PDB file of N, CA and C in Angstrom:
ATOM      1  N   MET A   1      73.064-169.510-176.312  1.00  0.00           N
ATOM      2  CA  MET A   1      72.925-171.080-177.707  1.00  0.00           C
ATOM      3  C   MET A   1      73.442-170.894-178.546  1.00  0.00           C
ATOM      4  N   ALA A   2      74.165-172.148-178.658  1.00  0.00           N
ATOM      5  CA  ALA A   2      75.566-172.844-179.131  1.00  0.00           C
ATOM      6  C   ALA A   2      74.242-172.383-180.920  1.00  0.00           C
ATOM      7  N   ASN A   3      76.013-172.268-181.253  1.00  0.00           N
ATOM      8  CA  ASN A   3      75.400-172.372-182.789  1.00  0.00           C
ATOM      9  C   ASN A   3      74.200-173.394-183.685  1.00  0.00           C
ATOM     10  N   PHE A   4      73.161-172.527-184.312  1.00  0.00           N
ATOM     11  CA  PHE A   4      71.908-173.698-184.753  1.00  0.00           C
ATOM     12  C   PHE A   4      72.879-174.687-185.577  1.00  0.00           C
ATOM     13  N   ASN A   5      73.663-173.934-186.365  1.00  0.00           N
ATOM     14  CA  ASN A   5      74.198-175.267-187.868  1.00  0.00           C
ATOM     15  C   ASN A   5      75.051-177.086-187.088  1.00  0.00           C
ATOM     16  N   GLU A   6      75.798-176.180-185.909  1.00  0.00           N
ATOM     17  CA  GLU A   6      76.545-177.183-184.649  1.00  0.00           C
ATOM     18  C   GLU A   6      75.375-177.737-183.948  1.00  0.00           C
ATOM     19  N   ILE A   7      73.880-177.753-183.550  1.00  0.00           N
ATOM     20  CA  ILE A   7      73.461-178.375-182.713  1.00  0.00           C
ATOM     21  C   ILE A   7      72.967-179.398-183.511  1.00  0.00           C
ATOM     22  N   ILE A   8      72.087-178.587-184.746  1.00  0.00           N
ATOM     23  CA  ILE A   8      71.318-179.375-185.552  1.00  0.00           C
ATOM     24  C   ILE A   8      72.363-180.592-186.496  1.00  0.00           C
ATOM     25  N   ASN A   9      73.580-180.672-186.392  1.00  0.00           N
ATOM     26  CA  ASN A   9      74.652-181.431-187.186  1.00  0.00           C
ATOM     27  C   ASN A   9      75.171-182.916-186.055  1.00  0.00           C
ATOM     28  N   SER A  10      74.262-182.953-185.073  1.00  0.00           N
ATOM     29  CA  SER A  10      74.902-183.581-184.108  1.00  0.00           C
ATOM     30  C   SER A  10      74.101-184.816-184.310  1.00  0.00           C
ATOM     31  N   PRO A  11      74.479-186.077-184.130  1.00  0.00           N
ATOM     32  CA  PRO A  11      74.554-187.717-184.567  1.00  0.00           C
ATOM     33  C   PRO A  11      73.243-188.218-184.210  1.00  0.00           C
ATOM     34  N   LYS A  12      72.917-187.531-182.941  1.00  0.00           N
ATOM     35  CA  LYS A  12      72.008-187.583-181.773  1.00  0.00           C
ATOM     36  C   LYS A  12      71.032-186.469-183.096  1.00  0.00           C
ATOM     37  N   PRO A  13      69.270-187.464-182.986  1.00  0.00           N
ATOM     38  CA  PRO A  13      68.386-187.107-182.971  1.00  0.00           C
ATOM     39  C   PRO A  13      68.042-185.354-182.408  1.00  0.00           C
ATOM     40  N   VAL A  14      67.822-183.894-183.328  1.00  0.00           N
ATOM     41  CA  VAL A  14      67.942-182.902-182.378  1.00  0.00           C
ATOM     42  C   VAL A  14      65.913-182.390-182.777  1.00  0.00           C
ATOM     43  N   LEU A  15      64.910-182.499-181.870  1.00  0.00           N
ATOM     44  CA  LEU A  15      64.024-182.076-181.901  1.00  0.00           C
ATOM     45  C   LEU A  15      63.906-180.489-181.657  1.00  0.00           C
ATOM     46  N   ILE A  16      63.324-179.028-182.520  1.00  0.00           N
ATOM     47  CA  ILE A  16      62.970-178.324-182.166  1.00  0.00           C
ATOM     48  C   ILE A  16      62.018-178.224-182.884  1.00  0.00           C
ATOM     49  N   ASP A  17      61.947-177.372-181.436  1.00  0.00           N
ATOM     50  CA  ASP A  17      59.861-176.532-180.881  1.00  0.00           C
ATOM     51  C   ASP A  17      59.815-174.746-181.268  1.00  0.00           C
ATOM     52  N   PHE A  18      60.039-174.806-182.453  1.00  0.00           N
ATOM     53  CA  PHE A  18      59.671-173.606-182.887  1.00  0.00           C
ATOM     54  C   PHE A  18      58.997-172.993-182.441  1.00  0.00           C
ATOM     55  N   SER A  19      58.734-172.151-181.416  1.00  0.00           N
ATOM     56  CA  SER A  19      57.129-171.467-181.098  1.00  0.00           C
ATOM     57  C   SER A  19      57.444-169.736-180.360  1.00  0.00           C
ATOM     58  N   ALA A  20      56.557-169.345-179.878  1.00  0.00           N
ATOM     59  CA  ALA A  20      56.584-168.297-179.239  1.00  0.00           C
ATOM     60  C   ALA A  20      55.334-168.037-177.560  1.00  0.00           C
ATOM     61  N   GLU A  21      55.900-166.322-177.737  1.00  0.00           N
ATOM     62  CA  GLU A  21      55.205-166.232-176.280  1.00  0.00           C
ATOM     63  C   GLU A  21      53.878-166.700-176.086  1.00  0.00           C
ATOM     64  N   TRP A  22      53.886-165.672-177.449  1.00  0.00           N
ATOM     65  CA  TRP A  22      52.098-164.942-177.594  1.00  0.00           C
ATOM     66  C   TRP A  22      51.171-166.382-177.640  1.00  0.00           C
ATOM     67  N   CYS A  23      51.834-167.573-178.207  1.00  0.00           N
ATOM     68  CA  CYS A  23      51.265-168.518-178.841  1.00  0.00           C
ATOM     69  C   CYS A  23      50.518-169.556-177.503  1.00  0.00           C
ATOM     70  N   GLY A  24      49.156-169.538-177.553  1.00  0.00           N
ATOM     71  CA  GLY A  24      48.464-170.809-177.106  1.00  0.00           C
ATOM     72  C   GLY A  24      48.581-172.184-176.669  1.00  0.00           C
ATOM     73  N   PRO A  25      48.479-172.820-178.098  1.00  0.00           N
ATOM     74  CA  PRO A  25      48.876-173.771-178.846  1.00  0.00           C
ATOM     75  C   PRO A  25      50.408-174.418-177.680  1.00  0.00           C
ATOM     76  N   CYS A  26      51.412-172.961-178.386  1.00  0.00           N
ATOM     77  CA  CYS A  26      52.455-173.117-177.800  1.00  0.00           C
ATOM     78  C   CYS A  26      52.747-173.679-176.588  1.00  0.00           C
ATOM     79  N   LYS A  27      52.067-172.919-175.629  1.00  0.00           N
ATOM     80  CA  LYS A  27      51.897-173.786-174.561  1.00  0.00           C
ATOM     81  C   LYS A  27      51.603-174.522-173.923  1.00  0.00           C
ATOM     82  N   MET A  28      51.026-175.255-174.578  1.00  0.00           N
ATOM     83  CA  MET A  28      50.372-176.771-174.362  1.00  0.00           C
ATOM     84  C   MET A  28      51.896-177.722-174.990  1.00  0.00           C
ATOM     85  N   MET A  29      52.696-177.549-175.693  1.00  0.00           N
ATOM     86  CA  MET A  29      53.607-178.306-176.089  1.00  0.00           C
ATOM     87  C   MET A  29      54.464-178.612-174.853  1.00  0.00           C
ATOM     88  N   ALA A  30      54.166-177.721-173.669  1.00  0.00           N
ATOM     89  CA  ALA A  30      55.586-177.461-172.822  1.00  0.00           C
ATOM     90  C   ALA A  30      55.136-178.531-171.631  1.00  0.00           C
ATOM     91  N   PRO A  31      54.448-178.808-171.175  1.00  0.00           N
ATOM     92  CA  PRO A  31      54.561-180.203-171.050  1.00  0.00           C
ATOM     93  C   PRO A  31      54.535-181.382-171.506  1.00  0.00           C
ATOM     94  N   ILE A  32      54.244-181.782-173.085  1.00  0.00           N
ATOM     95  CA  ILE A  32      54.354-182.505-173.746  1.00  0.00           C
ATOM     96  C   ILE A  32      56.224-182.763-174.394  1.00  0.00           C
ATOM     97  N   LEU A  33      56.532-181.934-174.109  1.00  0.00           N
ATOM     98  CA  LEU A  33      57.459-181.768-174.361  1.00  0.00           C
ATOM     99  C   LEU A  33      58.564-182.549-173.436  1.00  0.00           C
ATOM    100  N   LYS A  34      58.212-181.955-171.961  1.00  0.00           N
ATOM    101  CA  LYS A  34      58.693-182.740-171.088  1.00  0.00           C
ATOM    102  C   LYS A  34      58.190-183.495-170.848  1.00  0.00           C
ATOM    103  N   GLU A  35      57.193-184.889-171.391  1.00  0.00           N
ATOM    104  CA  GLU A  35      56.999-185.984-171.062  1.00  0.00           C
ATOM    105  C   GLU A  35      57.681-186.863-172.007  1.00  0.00           C
ATOM    106  N   VAL A  36      58.345-186.094-173.336  1.00  0.00           N
ATOM    107  CA  VAL A  36      58.891-186.980-174.432  1.00  0.00           C
ATOM    108  C   VAL A  36      60.699-186.346-173.630  1.00  0.00           C
ATOM    109  N   ALA A  37      61.165-185.529-173.485  1.00  0.00           N
ATOM    110  CA  ALA A  37      62.175-185.744-172.858  1.00  0.00           C
ATOM    111  C   ALA A  37      62.082-186.616-171.772  1.00  0.00           C
ATOM    112  N   GLY A  38      61.660-186.807-170.805  1.00  0.00           N
ATOM    113  CA  GLY A  38      61.582-188.006-170.314  1.00  0.00           C
ATOM    114  C   GLY A  38      62.083-189.430-170.206  1.00  0.00           C
ATOM    115  N   ALA A  39      60.861-189.171-171.315  1.00  0.00           N
ATOM    116  CA  ALA A  39      60.867-191.508-172.196  1.00  0.00           C
ATOM    117  C   ALA A  39      62.473-191.365-172.915  1.00  0.00           C
ATOM    118  N   MET A  40      62.825-189.858-173.389  1.00  0.00           N
ATOM    119  CA  MET A  40      63.490-190.571-174.408  1.00  0.00           C
ATOM    120  C   MET A  40      65.219-190.145-173.348  1.00  0.00           C
ATOM    121  N   GLY A  41      65.133-189.204-172.907  1.00  0.00           N
ATOM    122  CA  GLY A  41      66.456-189.255-172.065  1.00  0.00           C
ATOM    123  C   GLY A  41      67.764-188.833-172.827  1.00  0.00           C
ATOM    124  N   GLU A  42      69.050-188.982-172.873  1.00  0.00           N
ATOM    125  CA  GLU A  42      70.010-188.972-173.665  1.00  0.00           C
ATOM    126  C   GLU A  42      69.620-188.889-174.862  1.00  0.00           C
ATOM    127  N   ARG A  43      69.151-189.675-174.758  1.00  0.00           N
ATOM    128  CA  ARG A  43      68.839-190.644-176.693  1.00  0.00           C
ATOM    129  C   ARG A  43      68.730-188.950-177.553  1.00  0.00           C
ATOM    130  N   VAL A  44      67.959-188.126-177.154  1.00  0.00           N
ATOM    131  CA  VAL A  44      67.198-187.137-178.359  1.00  0.00           C
ATOM    132  C   VAL A  44      67.522-185.677-177.127  1.00  0.00           C
ATOM    133  N   ARG A  45      68.055-184.455-178.164  1.00  0.00           N
ATOM    134  CA  ARG A  45      68.246-183.102-177.590  1.00  0.00           C
ATOM    135  C   ARG A  45      67.040-182.415-178.012  1.00  0.00           C
ATOM    136  N   ILE A  46      66.424-182.194-177.330  1.00  0.00           N
ATOM    137  CA  ILE A  46      65.309-180.784-177.500  1.00  0.00           C
ATOM    138  C   ILE A  46      65.269-179.578-176.966  1.00  0.00           C
ATOM    139  N   ILE A  47      64.947-178.779-177.906  1.00  0.00           N
ATOM    140  CA  ILE A  47      65.846-177.560-177.757  1.00  0.00           C
ATOM    141  C   ILE A  47      63.928-176.549-178.224  1.00  0.00           C
ATOM    142  N   LYS A  48      63.792-175.254-177.594  1.00  0.00           N
ATOM    143  CA  LYS A  48      62.438-174.730-177.673  1.00  0.00           C
ATOM    144  C   LYS A  48      63.280-173.493-178.332  1.00  0.00           C
ATOM    145  N   ILE A  49      62.999-172.835-178.998  1.00  0.00           N
ATOM    146  CA  ILE A  49      63.119-171.745-180.166  1.00  0.00           C
ATOM    147  C   ILE A  49      62.355-170.331-180.089  1.00  0.00           C
ATOM    148  N   ASP A  50      62.415-169.469-180.317  1.00  0.00           N
ATOM    149  CA  ASP A  50      61.342-168.305-179.878  1.00  0.00           C
ATOM    150  C   ASP A  50      61.489-167.741-181.145  1.00  0.00           C
ATOM    151  N   VAL A  51      60.751-168.202-182.064  1.00  0.00           N
ATOM    152  CA  VAL A  51      60.705-167.644-183.697  1.00  0.00           C
ATOM    153  C   VAL A  51      60.499-165.936-183.750  1.00  0.00           C
ATOM    154  N   ASP A  52      59.971-165.114-182.446  1.00  0.00           N
ATOM    155  CA  ASP A  52      60.321-163.694-182.803  1.00  0.00           C
ATOM    156  C   ASP A  52      61.870-163.361-181.651  1.00  0.00           C
ATOM    157  N   LYS A  53      62.319-164.170-181.048  1.00  0.00           N
ATOM    158  CA  LYS A  53      63.988-163.649-180.663  1.00  0.00           C
ATOM    159  C   LYS A  53      64.752-164.471-182.107  1.00  0.00           C
ATOM    160  N   ASN A  54      64.051-165.474-182.622  1.00  0.00           N
ATOM    161  CA  ASN A  54      65.144-165.901-183.347  1.00  0.00           C
ATOM    162  C   ASN A  54      64.643-166.052-185.321  1.00  0.00           C
ATOM    163  N   PRO A  55      64.390-164.415-185.679  1.00  0.00           N
ATOM    164  CA  PRO A  55      63.540-164.566-187.179  1.00  0.00           C
ATOM    165  C   PRO A  55      64.459-165.347-187.804  1.00  0.00           C
ATOM    166  N   ALA A  56      65.403-165.113-187.944  1.00  0.00           N
ATOM    167  CA  ALA A  56      66.518-165.644-189.400  1.00  0.00           C
ATOM    168  C   ALA A  56      66.432-167.010-189.218  1.00  0.00           C
ATOM    169  N   VAL A  57      66.907-167.387-188.026  1.00  0.00           N
ATOM    170  CA  VAL A  57      66.298-168.992-188.002  1.00  0.00           C
ATOM    171  C   VAL A  57      65.177-169.567-188.565  1.00  0.00           C
ATOM    172  N   ALA A  58      63.945-168.788-187.745  1.00  0.00           N
ATOM    173  CA  ALA A  58      62.621-168.867-188.364  1.00  0.00           C
ATOM    174  C   ALA A  58      62.431-168.817-189.911  1.00  0.00           C
ATOM    175  N   GLN A  59      62.947-167.760-190.531  1.00  0.00           N
ATOM    176  CA  GLN A  59      62.488-167.203-191.547  1.00  0.00           C
ATOM    177  C   GLN A  59      63.751-168.829-192.787  1.00  0.00           C
ATOM    178  N   LYS A  60      64.469-168.645-192.221  1.00  0.00           N
ATOM    179  CA  LYS A  60      65.650-169.846-192.998  1.00  0.00           C
ATOM    180  C   LYS A  60      65.070-170.895-192.921  1.00  0.00           C
ATOM    181  N   TYR A  61      64.104-171.430-192.241  1.00  0.00           N
ATOM    182  CA  TYR A  61      63.310-172.946-192.280  1.00  0.00           C
ATOM    183  C   TYR A  61      62.072-172.919-192.152  1.00  0.00           C
ATOM    184  N   GLN A  62      61.323-171.426-193.093  1.00  0.00           N
ATOM    185  CA  GLN A  62      59.946-171.090-193.440  1.00  0.00           C
ATOM    186  C   GLN A  62      59.210-171.764-192.485  1.00  0.00           C
ATOM    187  N   VAL A  63      59.563-171.327-190.800  1.00  0.00           N
ATOM    188  CA  VAL A  63      57.920-171.817-189.836  1.00  0.00           C
ATOM    189  C   VAL A  63      56.845-170.490-190.478  1.00  0.00           C
ATOM    190  N   MET A  64      56.178-170.701-190.797  1.00  0.00           N
ATOM    191  CA  MET A  64      54.837-169.797-190.577  1.00  0.00           C
ATOM    192  C   MET A  64      53.958-170.216-189.708  1.00  0.00           C
ATOM    193  N   SER A  65      54.631-170.832-188.569  1.00  0.00           N
ATOM    194  CA  SER A  65      53.084-171.483-188.048  1.00  0.00           C
ATOM    195  C   SER A  65      53.596-171.839-186.845  1.00  0.00           C
ATOM    196  N   VAL A  66      53.623-171.363-185.494  1.00  0.00           N
ATOM    197  CA  VAL A  66      53.795-171.985-184.405  1.00  0.00           C
ATOM    198  C   VAL A  66      52.476-172.907-183.874  1.00  0.00           C
ATOM    199  N   PRO A  67      52.619-173.802-182.891  1.00  0.00           N
ATOM    200  CA  PRO A  67      54.114-175.112-183.117  1.00  0.00           C
ATOM    201  C   PRO A  67      54.415-175.596-184.227  1.00  0.00           C
ATOM    202  N   THR A  68      56.003-175.422-184.714  1.00  0.00           N
ATOM    203  CA  THR A  68      56.330-176.319-185.256  1.00  0.00           C
ATOM    204  C   THR A  68      57.129-176.741-184.809  1.00  0.00           C
ATOM    205  N   LEU A  69      57.182-178.620-185.118  1.00  0.00           N
ATOM    206  CA  LEU A  69      58.230-179.226-184.664  1.00  0.00           C
ATOM    207  C   LEU A  69      58.968-179.572-186.123  1.00  0.00           C
ATOM    208  N   MET A  70      60.146-179.692-185.793  1.00  0.00           N
ATOM    209  CA  MET A  70      61.237-179.929-186.688  1.00  0.00           C
ATOM    210  C   MET A  70      62.056-180.748-185.842  1.00  0.00           C
ATOM    211  N   VAL A  71      62.555-182.331-186.748  1.00  0.00           N
ATOM    212  CA  VAL A  71      63.720-183.139-186.381  1.00  0.00           C
ATOM    213  C   VAL A  71      64.958-183.058-187.014  1.00  0.00           C
ATOM    214  N   PHE A  72      66.114-182.790-186.556  1.00  0.00           N
ATOM    215  CA  PHE A  72      67.414-182.850-187.451  1.00  0.00           C
ATOM    216  C   PHE A  72      67.676-184.205-187.199  1.00  0.00           C
ATOM    217  N   LYS A  73      68.967-184.173-187.355  1.00  0.00           N
ATOM    218  CA  LYS A  73      69.773-185.416-187.097  1.00  0.00           C
ATOM    219  C   LYS A  73      70.919-185.366-187.907  1.00  0.00           C
ATOM    220  N   ASN A  74      72.419-185.593-187.888  1.00  0.00           N
ATOM    221  CA  ASN A  74      73.064-185.299-188.426  1.00  0.00           C
ATOM    222  C   ASN A  74      72.731-183.906-189.602  1.00  0.00           C
ATOM    223  N   GLY A  75      72.201-182.875-189.672  1.00  0.00           N
ATOM    224  CA  GLY A  75      72.618-181.228-190.294  1.00  0.00           C
ATOM    225  C   GLY A  75      71.283-181.803-191.694  1.00  0.00           C
ATOM    226  N   GLN A  76      70.414-183.191-191.077  1.00  0.00           N
ATOM    227  CA  GLN A  76      69.599-183.369-192.241  1.00  0.00           C
ATOM    228  C   GLN A  76      67.812-183.062-191.594  1.00  0.00           C
ATOM    229  N   SER A  77      67.120-182.376-192.381  1.00  0.00           N
ATOM    230  CA  SER A  77      65.750-182.248-191.781  1.00  0.00           C
ATOM    231  C   SER A  77      64.903-183.764-191.718  1.00  0.00           C
ATOM    232  N   LEU A  78      64.335-184.189-190.799  1.00  0.00           N
ATOM    233  CA  LEU A  78      64.021-185.680-190.857  1.00  0.00           C
ATOM    234  C   LEU A  78      62.644-186.000-190.728  1.00  0.00           C
ATOM    235  N   PHE A  79      62.284-185.025-190.220  1.00  0.00           N
ATOM    236  CA  PHE A  79      60.067-184.775-189.640  1.00  0.00           C
ATOM    237  C   PHE A  79      59.952-182.981-189.667  1.00  0.00           C
ATOM    238  N   ARG A  80      58.878-183.061-190.142  1.00  0.00           N
ATOM    239  CA  ARG A  80      58.417-181.300-189.647  1.00  0.00           C
ATOM    240  C   ARG A  80      56.532-181.609-189.762  1.00  0.00           C
ATOM    241  N   GLN A  81      56.738-181.077-188.212  1.00  0.00           N
ATOM    242  CA  GLN A  81      55.018-180.641-188.858  1.00  0.00           C
ATOM    243  C   GLN A  81      54.435-179.404-187.703  1.00  0.00           C
ATOM    244  N   SER A  82      53.550-179.143-188.085  1.00  0.00           N
ATOM    245  CA  SER A  82      52.925-177.778-187.924  1.00  0.00           C
ATOM    246  C   SER A  82      51.714-178.095-186.964  1.00  0.00           C
ATOM    247  N   GLY A  83      51.343-177.552-185.495  1.00  0.00           N
ATOM    248  CA  GLY A  83      50.612-177.665-184.581  1.00  0.00           C
ATOM    249  C   GLY A  83      51.081-178.863-183.330  1.00  0.00           C
ATOM    250  N   VAL A  84      50.009-178.871-182.017  1.00  0.00           N
ATOM    251  CA  VAL A  84      50.585-179.669-181.447  1.00  0.00           C
ATOM    252  C   VAL A  84      49.891-180.795-181.766  1.00  0.00           C
ATOM    253  N   MET A  85      51.502-181.554-181.244  1.00  0.00           N
ATOM    254  CA  MET A  85      51.368-183.088-181.523  1.00  0.00           C
ATOM    255  C   MET A  85      51.165-184.044-180.234  1.00  0.00           C
ATOM    256  N   GLN A  86      50.677-185.035-179.598  1.00  0.00           N
ATOM    257  CA  GLN A  86      50.430-186.184-178.336  1.00  0.00           C
ATOM    258  C   GLN A  86      51.806-186.480-178.385  1.00  0.00           C
ATOM    259  N   ALA A  87      52.501-186.478-176.942  1.00  0.00           N
ATOM    260  CA  ALA A  87      53.618-187.163-176.226  1.00  0.00           C
ATOM    261  C   ALA A  87      53.981-188.548-177.127  1.00  0.00           C
ATOM    262  N   ARG A  88      53.345-189.106-177.159  1.00  0.00           N
ATOM    263  CA  ARG A  88      53.052-190.741-177.539  1.00  0.00           C
ATOM    264  C   ARG A  88      53.387-190.303-179.202  1.00  0.00           C
ATOM    265  N   GLN A  89      52.139-189.348-179.848  1.00  0.00           N
ATOM    266  CA  GLN A  89      53.258-189.377-181.559  1.00  0.00           C
ATOM    267  C   GLN A  89      54.534-189.047-181.577  1.00  0.00           C
ATOM    268  N   ILE A  90      54.972-188.453-180.684  1.00  0.00           N
ATOM    269  CA  ILE A  90      56.238-187.893-180.346  1.00  0.00           C
ATOM    270  C   ILE A  90      57.524-188.699-180.426  1.00  0.00           C
ATOM    271  N   ILE A  91      57.557-189.672-178.997  1.00  0.00           N
ATOM    272  CA  ILE A  91      58.261-190.798-178.731  1.00  0.00           C
ATOM    273  C   ILE A  91      58.520-191.705-179.869  1.00  0.00           C
ATOM    274  N   ASP A  92      57.126-192.038-180.622  1.00  0.00           N
ATOM    275  CA  ASP A  92      57.061-193.510-181.460  1.00  0.00           C
ATOM    276  C   ASP A  92      57.818-192.448-182.521  1.00  0.00           C
ATOM    277  N   MET A  93      57.868-191.631-183.339  1.00  0.00           N
ATOM    278  CA  MET A  93      58.520-190.850-184.322  1.00  0.00           C
ATOM    279  C   MET A  93      60.086-190.958-183.845  1.00  0.00           C
ATOM    280  N   LEU A  94      60.752-190.425-182.861  1.00  0.00           N
ATOM    281  CA  LEU A  94      61.748-189.994-182.192  1.00  0.00           C
ATOM    282  C   LEU A  94      62.539-191.518-182.371  1.00  0.00           C
ATOM    283  N   ASN A  95      61.851-192.649-181.438  1.00  0.00           N
ATOM    284  CA  ASN A  95      62.506-193.762-181.579  1.00  0.00           C
ATOM    285  C   ASN A  95      62.781-194.623-183.101  1.00  0.00           C
ATOM    286  N   LYS A  96      62.206-194.055-184.198  1.00  0.00           N
ATOM    287  CA  LYS A  96      62.996-194.693-184.924  1.00  0.00           C
ATOM    288  C   LYS A  96      64.164-194.328-186.013  1.00  0.00           C
ATOM    289  N   MET A  97      64.172-192.953-185.409  1.00  0.00           N
ATOM    290  CA  MET A  97      65.552-192.408-185.501  1.00  0.00           C
ATOM    291  C   MET A  97      66.757-192.042-184.700  1.00  0.00           C
ATOM    292  N   VAL A  98      66.143-193.296-183.273  1.00  0.00           N
ATOM    293  CA  VAL A  98      67.624-193.232-182.832  1.00  0.00           C
ATOM    294  C   VAL A  98      68.443-194.260-182.800  1.00  0.00           C
TER     295      VAL A  98
END
């Protein structure tokens, strides 16, 4: 994976899905994010980060529960929410940022 700071400094919104292998609700996010990716296309980058494999990043952004979704644009955190979100909610939120 490229440097995390390089990724979040993109002028294009970057949706980060902080998740874990053992997390049931995280598994529910996979088809939801696939739908979001299909709807948003190249306007948004979607990245999944396993908190167990990337503890430093999870700690830096104080991710205490998974799934946690964050959106960055130009290095700024524009959105953060823990728990499962519906695709329509995510798409509506992202459309305001592109």
